[in-house]
Amino acid sequence: MFAVGVLGNVIAVVVLCVSKREQKESTFYTLVCGMAVTDLLGTCFTSPVVIATYACGRWPGGAPLCHFFSFSMLFFGCAGTCILCAMAVERYLAINHAYFYSQHVDRSVARTVLLVTYLATLTLCVLPSFGFGRHVRHFPGTWCFLDWRATDALGACYSLLYGGVMLLLVAVTLLCNVAVCLRQLRGRDADAVAAGVMTAVFLVCSVPLVVRIFVNQLTGPAHLSAEALSDKREDLLAIRFASFNPILDPWVYILCRKNLLLKGCARLKGALLGAKVRGVGGRPGWEGGQNSPASMRTSFRQHPFSDLTTGRQPWDFHPFSVPGAGLGAGLGLSGLVAEEGEGLKEEQQQKKSNSQTPLLVTSVIGGDVVTCTLAPPQPAPLSSVCEDNLSPLSSVCEDNQPLPQVCEDNQPPLMCL
């Protein structure tokens, strides 16, 4: 729990620090930043003492450590609840009274609220150190808190005072969150679910401790003297629920917000896509100038009969190179190249065929070999035209003997026999 609480609050503080400037100037940013810092300090001040107690098997310090631990539990528990209440009121005013919110609520108001919250909570929680209430160690001896089973008047009054303040904060927070949820449900806003989750988490973590304060202090003296074991276990369960509050707050109010999750998913998707593209495109310094194995496998699947032993890169072809020296020669895709003959005769036949072979241009796009065929313009069909003062056309047939073609009216063209 300690590691999760510290990690969550540290990540929340970092996320808030790298936020955009316009977001840092908002009221919500100021309040939620104060909540994250408060929860982080509360976790760091209380959890190490509990861990050391379980590790040693006994309370590691005397009365001073018990007073410090109890003060930390009272202060950070009340301050965190106050900040959550302020956030609920701010959200209620922003949604239900937008004009009033825009005119009177700004960042300076949020800073003032945080300052007043810390001063008022400090004044309330320091009273037991001056005799108004007591700090005692509770079952099973691993934590200290106020004496919520006090029999003296001052101790009982302080327990009821602290419990009343916590109850008021919980009630105001609950009413504001319910009003926001109802308004969002009427407007069919998807954020109503998030507001409901925040309210549920807050109630589950805060209400048990408030209930145990009133139950323990208002129960009759006979029941208090009995010190039933079941009640002590319920007290331990209530304080454990309260300890979950600073652990869950950064995740509920900061890290799991819809816009932050969408932004995080988009960045993660971009990083994975970039890594995939870098893996497909190869890495610099590959031996022999070859591309990555992924590109080689892709090319071989598309051209399984290509000659890969010569070290030639079929896809490394410039569109302005000599026709027939690139992809067509490397992959054997030119079907017009003669398969017979050797030496000069074969080269001449290949040049002759390549002069009529369409130019092939390839490129690698996203790991796939794309081939484009640039065909030369086809000559227009030869036609025989008879005009005045022109000699008749002749064609060569067999034995190099010319055969005259005569154009007459309504006569079809003369064919070679």
Protein backbone atom coordinates (compact mmCIF):
# COMPACT_ATOMS: atom_id res chain seq x y z
CA MET A 1 0.00 0.00 0.00
CA PHE A 2 2.80 2.40 0.85
CA ALA A 3 4.55 1.87 -2.51
CA VAL A 4 1.30 2.19 -4.46
CA GLY A 5 0.34 5.35 -2.59
CA VAL A 6 3.70 7.03 -3.11
CA LEU A 7 3.93 5.97 -6.77
CA GLY A 8 0.42 7.14 -7.60
CA ASN A 9 0.85 10.54 -5.96
CA VAL A 10 4.30 11.08 -7.49
CA ILE A 11 2.95 10.28 -10.96
CA ALA A 12 0.01 12.61 -10.33
CA VAL A 13 2.34 15.46 -9.32
CA VAL A 14 4.51 14.88 -12.41
CA VAL A 15 1.45 14.84 -14.69
CA LEU A 16 0.25 18.09 -13.15
CA CYS A 17 3.68 19.70 -13.55
CA VAL A 18 3.89 18.88 -17.28
CA SER A 19 0.35 20.04 -17.98
CA LYS A 20 -0.33 22.87 -20.37
CA ARG A 21 -0.06 26.44 -19.15
CA GLU A 22 -3.76 27.20 -19.55
CA GLN A 23 -4.60 24.16 -17.44
CA LYS A 24 -2.23 25.27 -14.68
CA GLU A 25 -4.11 28.56 -14.42
CA SER A 26 -7.44 26.86 -13.68
CA THR A 27 -9.07 26.54 -10.27
CA PHE A 28 -9.35 22.79 -10.52
CA TYR A 29 -5.61 22.45 -11.18
CA THR A 30 -4.75 24.38 -8.01
CA LEU A 31 -7.07 22.31 -5.84
CA VAL A 32 -6.10 18.95 -7.27
CA CYS A 33 -2.41 19.82 -6.98
CA GLY A 34 -2.93 20.62 -3.31
CA MET A 35 -4.74 17.30 -2.86
CA ALA A 36 -1.90 15.33 -4.49
CA VAL A 37 0.77 16.98 -2.35
CA THR A 38 -1.28 16.50 0.82
CA ASP A 39 -1.90 12.82 0.13
CA LEU A 40 1.78 12.25 -0.72
CA LEU A 41 2.98 13.84 2.52
CA GLY A 42 0.38 12.00 4.57
CA THR A 43 1.43 8.65 3.12
CA CYS A 44 5.13 9.35 3.71
CA PHE A 45 4.58 10.45 7.33
CA THR A 46 2.37 7.59 8.50
CA SER A 47 3.06 4.43 6.51
CA PRO A 48 6.77 4.04 7.43
CA VAL A 49 5.86 3.97 11.13
CA VAL A 50 3.37 1.16 10.60
CA ILE A 51 5.87 -0.80 8.49
CA ALA A 52 8.55 -0.41 11.16
CA THR A 53 6.10 -1.57 13.86
CA TYR A 54 5.25 -4.76 11.99
CA ALA A 55 8.94 -5.34 11.22
CA CYS A 56 10.04 -4.93 14.87
CA GLY A 57 7.03 -6.64 16.38
CA ARG A 58 6.50 -3.75 18.78
CA TRP A 59 5.93 0.01 18.81
CA PRO A 60 9.29 1.49 17.74
CA GLY A 61 8.95 4.69 19.76
CA GLY A 62 7.37 6.01 22.91
CA ALA A 63 4.76 8.70 23.52
CA PRO A 64 6.35 11.35 21.24
CA LEU A 65 6.13 9.06 18.21
CA CYS A 66 2.55 8.18 19.12
CA HIS A 67 1.64 11.88 19.32
CA PHE A 68 3.32 12.58 15.99
CA PHE A 69 1.58 9.65 14.30
CA SER A 70 -1.82 10.60 15.71
CA PHE A 71 -1.37 14.24 14.69
CA SER A 72 -0.39 13.16 11.16
CA MET A 73 -3.46 10.94 10.90
CA LEU A 74 -5.76 13.70 12.13
CA PHE A 75 -4.21 16.51 10.08
CA PHE A 76 -3.78 14.82 6.71
CA GLY A 77 -7.10 12.99 7.01
CA CYS A 78 -9.03 16.19 7.72
CA ALA A 79 -7.05 18.31 5.23
CA GLY A 80 -7.57 15.79 2.43
CA THR A 81 -11.29 15.67 3.14
CA CYS A 82 -11.47 19.47 3.16
CA ILE A 83 -9.76 19.68 -0.24
CA LEU A 84 -12.10 17.04 -1.68
CA CYS A 85 -15.02 19.05 -0.35
CA ALA A 86 -13.64 22.22 -1.96
CA MET A 87 -13.26 20.36 -5.27
CA ALA A 88 -16.88 19.16 -5.05
CA VAL A 89 -18.12 22.71 -4.39
CA GLU A 90 -16.02 24.06 -7.25
CA ARG A 91 -17.44 21.45 -9.61
CA TYR A 92 -20.98 22.20 -8.45
CA LEU A 93 -20.58 25.95 -9.05
CA ALA A 94 -18.96 25.43 -12.44
CA ILE A 95 -21.83 23.24 -13.70
CA ASN A 96 -24.93 24.56 -11.91
CA HIS A 97 -23.96 28.24 -11.55
CA ALA A 98 -21.67 28.92 -14.47
CA TYR A 99 -22.13 32.71 -14.50
CA PHE A 100 -21.34 33.10 -10.80
CA TYR A 101 -18.38 30.78 -11.21
CA SER A 102 -16.93 32.75 -14.12
CA GLN A 103 -17.28 36.05 -12.26
CA HIS A 104 -16.10 35.17 -8.76
CA VAL A 105 -14.06 31.93 -8.84
CA ASP A 106 -10.48 31.94 -10.10
CA ARG A 107 -7.05 30.65 -9.20
CA SER A 108 -6.53 33.18 -6.41
CA VAL A 109 -9.71 31.95 -4.71
CA ALA A 110 -8.44 28.37 -4.89
CA ARG A 111 -5.13 29.38 -3.29
CA THR A 112 -6.98 31.17 -0.52
CA VAL A 113 -9.13 28.10 0.09
CA LEU A 114 -6.05 25.89 0.37
CA LEU A 115 -4.38 28.30 2.81
CA VAL A 116 -7.48 28.55 5.00
CA THR A 117 -7.89 24.77 4.89
CA TYR A 118 -4.35 24.11 6.13
CA LEU A 119 -4.56 26.73 8.89
CA ALA A 120 -7.97 25.59 10.14
CA THR A 121 -7.00 21.92 10.06
CA LEU A 122 -3.73 22.65 11.86
CA THR A 123 -5.60 24.51 14.59
CA LEU A 124 -8.08 21.67 15.01
CA CYS A 125 -5.53 18.86 15.09
CA VAL A 126 -3.02 20.52 17.41
CA LEU A 127 -5.57 20.84 20.27
CA PRO A 128 -4.82 17.39 21.82
CA SER A 129 -1.21 18.47 22.29
CA PHE A 130 -2.47 21.25 24.59
CA GLY A 131 -4.72 19.04 26.71
CA PHE A 132 -7.96 19.30 24.72
CA GLY A 133 -8.24 15.61 23.91
CA ARG A 134 -5.70 12.78 24.01
CA HIS A 135 -3.61 10.66 21.67
CA VAL A 136 -3.72 6.93 22.45
CA ARG A 137 -2.48 3.74 20.83
CA HIS A 138 -5.19 1.45 19.41
CA PHE A 139 -5.53 -2.26 18.73
CA PRO A 140 -3.34 -4.09 17.73
CA GLY A 141 -0.81 -1.50 18.89
CA THR A 142 0.41 -0.49 15.40
CA TRP A 143 -1.28 2.91 15.10
CA CYS A 144 -2.23 5.91 17.22
CA PHE A 145 -5.29 8.14 16.98
CA LEU A 146 -7.47 10.33 19.14
CA ASP A 147 -9.08 8.80 22.21
CA TRP A 148 -12.56 8.20 20.83
CA ARG A 149 -13.56 6.33 23.96
CA ALA A 150 -12.67 9.12 26.39
CA THR A 151 -14.55 9.29 29.67
CA ASP A 152 -13.49 12.83 30.57
CA ALA A 153 -15.43 15.83 29.27
CA LEU A 154 -12.61 17.44 27.29
CA GLY A 155 -11.67 14.20 25.55
CA ALA A 156 -15.28 13.40 24.67
CA CYS A 157 -15.89 16.94 23.37
CA TYR A 158 -12.83 16.81 21.15
CA SER A 159 -13.86 13.45 19.72
CA LEU A 160 -17.33 14.77 18.93
CA LEU A 161 -15.87 18.01 17.52
CA TYR A 162 -13.52 16.20 15.16
CA GLY A 163 -16.23 13.73 14.18
CA GLY A 164 -18.70 16.59 13.58
CA VAL A 165 -16.27 18.45 11.31
CA MET A 166 -15.61 15.30 9.30
CA LEU A 167 -19.34 14.56 9.08
CA LEU A 168 -20.04 18.09 7.81
CA LEU A 169 -17.35 17.80 5.13
CA VAL A 170 -18.64 14.42 4.00
CA ALA A 171 -22.23 15.69 3.84
CA VAL A 172 -21.34 18.79 1.79
CA THR A 173 -19.21 16.72 -0.58
CA LEU A 174 -21.97 14.16 -1.02
CA LEU A 175 -24.66 16.78 -1.70
CA CYS A 176 -22.53 18.63 -4.26
CA ASN A 177 -21.57 15.41 -6.07
CA VAL A 178 -25.17 14.21 -6.17
CA ALA A 179 -26.32 17.56 -7.60
CA VAL A 180 -23.61 17.38 -10.26
CA CYS A 181 -24.54 13.80 -11.15
CA LEU A 182 -28.22 14.70 -11.51
CA ARG A 183 -27.42 17.67 -13.73
CA GLN A 184 -25.16 15.58 -15.93
CA LEU A 185 -27.71 12.79 -16.18
CA ARG A 186 -30.37 15.25 -17.33
CA GLY A 187 -27.96 16.50 -19.97
CA ARG A 188 -26.93 12.93 -20.88
CA ASP A 189 -23.32 13.72 -20.11
CA ALA A 190 -20.90 10.79 -20.08
CA ASP A 191 -18.99 12.36 -17.13
CA ALA A 192 -21.87 11.45 -14.80
CA VAL A 193 -20.39 7.97 -14.44
CA ALA A 194 -17.02 9.41 -13.41
CA ALA A 195 -18.68 11.67 -10.85
CA GLY A 196 -20.57 8.68 -9.47
CA VAL A 197 -17.37 6.67 -9.13
CA MET A 198 -15.66 9.55 -7.29
CA THR A 199 -18.59 9.83 -4.89
CA ALA A 200 -18.65 6.09 -4.20
CA VAL A 201 -14.91 5.92 -3.51
CA PHE A 202 -15.10 8.94 -1.21
CA LEU A 203 -17.99 7.50 0.79
CA VAL A 204 -16.47 4.05 1.18
CA CYS A 205 -13.17 5.47 2.45
CA SER A 206 -14.49 8.27 4.68
CA VAL A 207 -17.80 7.19 6.20
CA PRO A 208 -16.61 4.15 8.26
CA LEU A 209 -14.16 6.22 10.32
CA VAL A 210 -16.73 8.95 11.03
CA VAL A 211 -19.27 6.33 12.08
CA ARG A 212 -16.79 4.64 14.45
CA ILE A 213 -15.95 7.97 16.11
CA PHE A 214 -19.58 8.63 17.00
CA VAL A 215 -20.38 5.02 17.89
CA ASN A 216 -17.41 4.66 20.23
CA GLN A 217 -17.94 8.00 21.95
CA LEU A 218 -21.72 7.82 22.31
CA THR A 219 -21.87 4.25 23.58
CA GLY A 220 -22.59 3.76 27.32
CA PRO A 221 -19.75 3.47 29.91
CA ALA A 222 -20.59 -0.17 30.65
CA HIS A 223 -19.92 -1.17 27.05
CA LEU A 224 -16.75 0.92 27.00
CA SER A 225 -15.32 -0.85 30.02
CA ALA A 226 -15.94 -4.25 28.48
CA GLU A 227 -13.70 -3.40 25.44
CA ALA A 228 -15.18 -6.01 23.22
CA LEU A 229 -12.71 -7.47 20.70
CA SER A 230 -15.22 -7.16 17.86
CA ASP A 231 -15.39 -3.40 18.30
CA LYS A 232 -11.62 -3.11 18.17
CA ARG A 233 -11.54 -5.04 14.91
CA GLU A 234 -14.18 -2.74 13.49
CA ASP A 235 -12.04 0.24 14.53
CA LEU A 236 -9.05 -1.29 12.75
CA LEU A 237 -11.14 -1.90 9.64
CA ALA A 238 -12.39 1.69 9.65
CA ILE A 239 -8.89 3.16 9.90
CA ARG A 240 -7.73 0.89 7.07
CA PHE A 241 -10.55 2.15 4.85
CA ALA A 242 -9.46 5.70 5.66
CA SER A 243 -5.88 4.80 4.71
CA PHE A 244 -7.05 3.84 1.21
CA ASN A 245 -8.27 7.38 0.58
CA PRO A 246 -4.87 9.00 -0.19
CA ILE A 247 -3.92 5.94 -2.25
CA LEU A 248 -6.99 6.05 -4.51
CA ASP A 249 -7.38 9.83 -4.79
CA PRO A 250 -4.66 10.43 -7.44
CA TRP A 251 -6.00 7.62 -9.62
CA VAL A 252 -9.64 8.64 -9.34
CA TYR A 253 -9.25 12.41 -9.66
CA ILE A 254 -6.15 12.75 -11.88
CA LEU A 255 -4.71 9.68 -13.58
CA CYS A 256 -7.97 7.99 -14.63
CA ARG A 257 -9.67 11.04 -16.10
CA LYS A 258 -11.12 10.50 -19.57
CA ASN A 259 -9.06 13.09 -21.43
CA LEU A 260 -5.82 11.94 -19.81
CA LEU A 261 -6.53 8.30 -20.63
CA LEU A 262 -7.30 9.14 -24.26
CA LYS A 263 -4.11 11.19 -24.54
CA GLY A 264 -2.06 8.42 -22.96
CA CYS A 265 -3.54 5.78 -25.26
CA ALA A 266 -2.84 7.97 -28.30
CA ARG A 267 0.80 8.45 -27.29
CA LEU A 268 1.23 4.76 -26.59
CA LYS A 269 -0.25 3.87 -29.96
CA GLY A 270 2.05 6.35 -31.69
CA ALA A 271 5.09 4.94 -29.91
CA LEU A 272 4.21 1.37 -30.86
CA LEU A 273 3.56 2.39 -34.47
CA GLY A 274 6.88 4.25 -34.62
CA ALA A 275 8.72 1.23 -33.25
CA LYS A 276 7.03 -0.99 -35.82
CA VAL A 277 7.94 1.34 -38.68
CA ARG A 278 11.57 1.50 -37.51
CA GLY A 279 11.65 -2.28 -37.29
CA VAL A 280 10.26 -2.68 -40.82
CA GLY A 281 12.39 0.03 -42.39
CA GLY A 282 15.65 -1.42 -41.11
CA ARG A 283 18.37 0.14 -39.01
CA PRO A 284 21.43 2.05 -40.17
CA GLY A 285 24.71 0.22 -40.40
CA TRP A 286 23.25 -3.09 -41.48
CA GLU A 287 25.98 -5.34 -42.81
CA GLY A 288 26.47 -5.29 -46.58
CA GLY A 289 24.01 -2.43 -47.03
CA GLN A 290 21.14 -4.81 -46.72
CA ASN A 291 17.81 -3.78 -45.30
CA SER A 292 16.25 -5.28 -42.19
CA PRO A 293 15.27 -8.96 -42.05
CA ALA A 294 11.61 -7.96 -42.00
CA SER A 295 11.97 -6.24 -45.39
CA MET A 296 13.92 -9.21 -46.76
CA ARG A 297 11.19 -11.61 -45.70
CA THR A 298 8.51 -9.38 -47.19
CA SER A 299 10.35 -9.16 -50.52
CA PHE A 300 11.01 -12.89 -50.67
CA ARG A 301 7.35 -13.70 -50.03
CA GLN A 302 6.35 -11.46 -52.93
CA HIS A 303 9.18 -12.57 -55.23
CA PRO A 304 10.16 -16.08 -54.19
CA PHE A 305 12.28 -16.73 -57.31
CA SER A 306 14.43 -13.62 -57.06
CA ASP A 307 18.19 -13.98 -57.03
CA LEU A 308 19.16 -12.94 -53.51
CA THR A 309 22.63 -14.56 -53.59
CA THR A 310 24.23 -11.90 -55.78
CA GLY A 311 23.93 -9.26 -53.07
CA ARG A 312 21.80 -7.06 -55.34
CA GLN A 313 18.96 -5.16 -53.71
CA PRO A 314 16.01 -5.49 -56.07
CA TRP A 315 14.15 -2.65 -54.39
CA ASP A 316 17.11 -0.22 -54.60
CA PHE A 317 16.22 1.00 -58.10
CA HIS A 318 16.28 4.56 -59.34
CA PRO A 319 13.56 5.45 -61.87
CA PHE A 320 16.08 7.28 -64.07
CA SER A 321 18.55 4.41 -64.31
CA VAL A 322 19.23 2.39 -67.44
CA PRO A 323 16.19 0.34 -68.44
CA GLY A 324 16.63 -3.32 -67.73
CA ALA A 325 19.44 -2.84 -65.19
CA GLY A 326 17.20 -2.57 -62.19
CA LEU A 327 14.23 -4.56 -61.07
CA GLY A 328 13.53 -6.12 -64.41
CA ALA A 329 16.99 -7.68 -64.63
CA GLY A 330 17.34 -8.51 -60.95
CA LEU A 331 14.05 -10.30 -60.51
CA GLY A 332 13.65 -11.72 -64.02
CA LEU A 333 10.28 -10.05 -64.45
CA SER A 334 10.86 -8.99 -68.06
CA GLY A 335 9.15 -11.71 -70.02
CA LEU A 336 10.40 -10.36 -73.30
CA VAL A 337 14.10 -11.11 -72.64
CA ALA A 338 15.30 -13.97 -74.81
CA GLU A 339 16.13 -17.17 -72.98
CA GLU A 340 18.53 -18.49 -75.62
CA GLY A 341 21.94 -17.46 -76.84
CA GLU A 342 25.09 -16.47 -75.05
CA GLY A 343 27.57 -13.65 -75.13
CA LEU A 344 27.02 -10.64 -77.33
CA LYS A 345 23.97 -12.09 -79.03
CA GLU A 346 22.15 -12.45 -75.72
CA GLU A 347 23.04 -8.89 -74.67
CA GLN A 348 21.87 -7.48 -77.99
CA GLN A 349 18.62 -9.42 -77.79
CA GLN A 350 18.14 -8.27 -74.19
CA LYS A 351 18.76 -4.62 -75.13
CA LYS A 352 16.36 -4.97 -78.01
CA SER A 353 13.67 -6.50 -75.84
CA ASN A 354 14.28 -4.00 -73.01
CA SER A 355 13.81 -1.14 -75.42
CA GLN A 356 10.24 -2.30 -75.79
CA THR A 357 9.82 -3.52 -72.22
CA PRO A 358 7.82 -1.24 -69.94
CA LEU A 359 9.95 0.45 -67.30
CA LEU A 360 9.35 -0.99 -63.81
CA VAL A 361 9.70 1.27 -60.81
CA THR A 362 9.46 -0.10 -57.31
CA SER A 363 9.39 1.40 -53.84
CA VAL A 364 8.96 0.10 -50.32
CA ILE A 365 5.93 1.54 -48.57
CA GLY A 366 5.21 0.30 -45.05
CA GLY A 367 7.21 -2.88 -45.62
CA ASP A 368 5.34 -3.84 -48.86
CA VAL A 369 7.00 -3.77 -52.28
CA VAL A 370 4.92 -1.69 -54.69
CA THR A 371 5.70 -1.96 -58.42
CA CYS A 372 4.59 0.61 -61.00
CA THR A 373 4.77 -0.07 -64.75
CA LEU A 374 5.55 2.85 -67.03
CA ALA A 375 4.66 1.69 -70.55
CA PRO A 376 5.98 3.63 -73.58
CA PRO A 377 3.41 5.19 -75.86
CA GLN A 378 2.10 2.86 -78.49
CA PRO A 379 2.46 3.99 -82.13
CA ALA A 380 -0.69 4.74 -84.01
CA PRO A 381 -1.85 2.04 -86.45
CA LEU A 382 -0.62 2.42 -89.92
CA SER A 383 -3.38 3.25 -92.38
CA SER A 384 -3.32 3.60 -96.09
CA VAL A 385 -4.52 6.97 -97.28
CA CYS A 386 -5.07 7.80 -100.93
CA GLU A 387 -4.73 11.42 -101.78
CA ASP A 388 -4.18 13.31 -105.00
CA ASN A 389 -0.62 13.59 -106.28
CA LEU A 390 0.60 10.84 -103.95
CA SER A 391 2.20 7.63 -105.00
CA PRO A 392 0.44 4.47 -103.98
CA LEU A 393 1.64 2.65 -100.88
CA SER A 394 3.50 -0.60 -101.25
CA SER A 395 4.16 -3.40 -98.83
CA VAL A 396 6.76 -6.10 -98.94
CA CYS A 397 5.46 -9.64 -98.92
CA GLU A 398 7.34 -12.73 -99.88
CA ASP A 399 10.69 -12.82 -101.73
CA ASN A 400 11.07 -9.08 -101.15
CA GLN A 401 8.69 -8.37 -104.06
CA PRO A 402 6.64 -5.22 -103.73
CA LEU A 403 2.94 -5.58 -104.16
CA PRO A 404 1.14 -2.44 -105.24
CA GLN A 405 -1.89 -1.34 -103.30
CA VAL A 406 -4.56 0.47 -105.26
CA CYS A 407 -7.09 2.66 -103.57
CA GLU A 408 -10.36 2.87 -105.33
CA ASP A 409 -13.73 4.13 -104.39
CA ASN A 410 -15.68 1.74 -102.23
CA GLN A 411 -12.88 -0.84 -102.39
CA PRO A 412 -11.34 -2.39 -99.28
CA PRO A 413 -7.58 -2.05 -98.78
CA LEU A 414 -5.48 -4.57 -100.65
CA MET A 415 -3.99 -7.25 -98.39
CA CYS A 416 -0.58 -8.91 -98.73
CA LEU A 417 -0.89 -12.33 -100.35
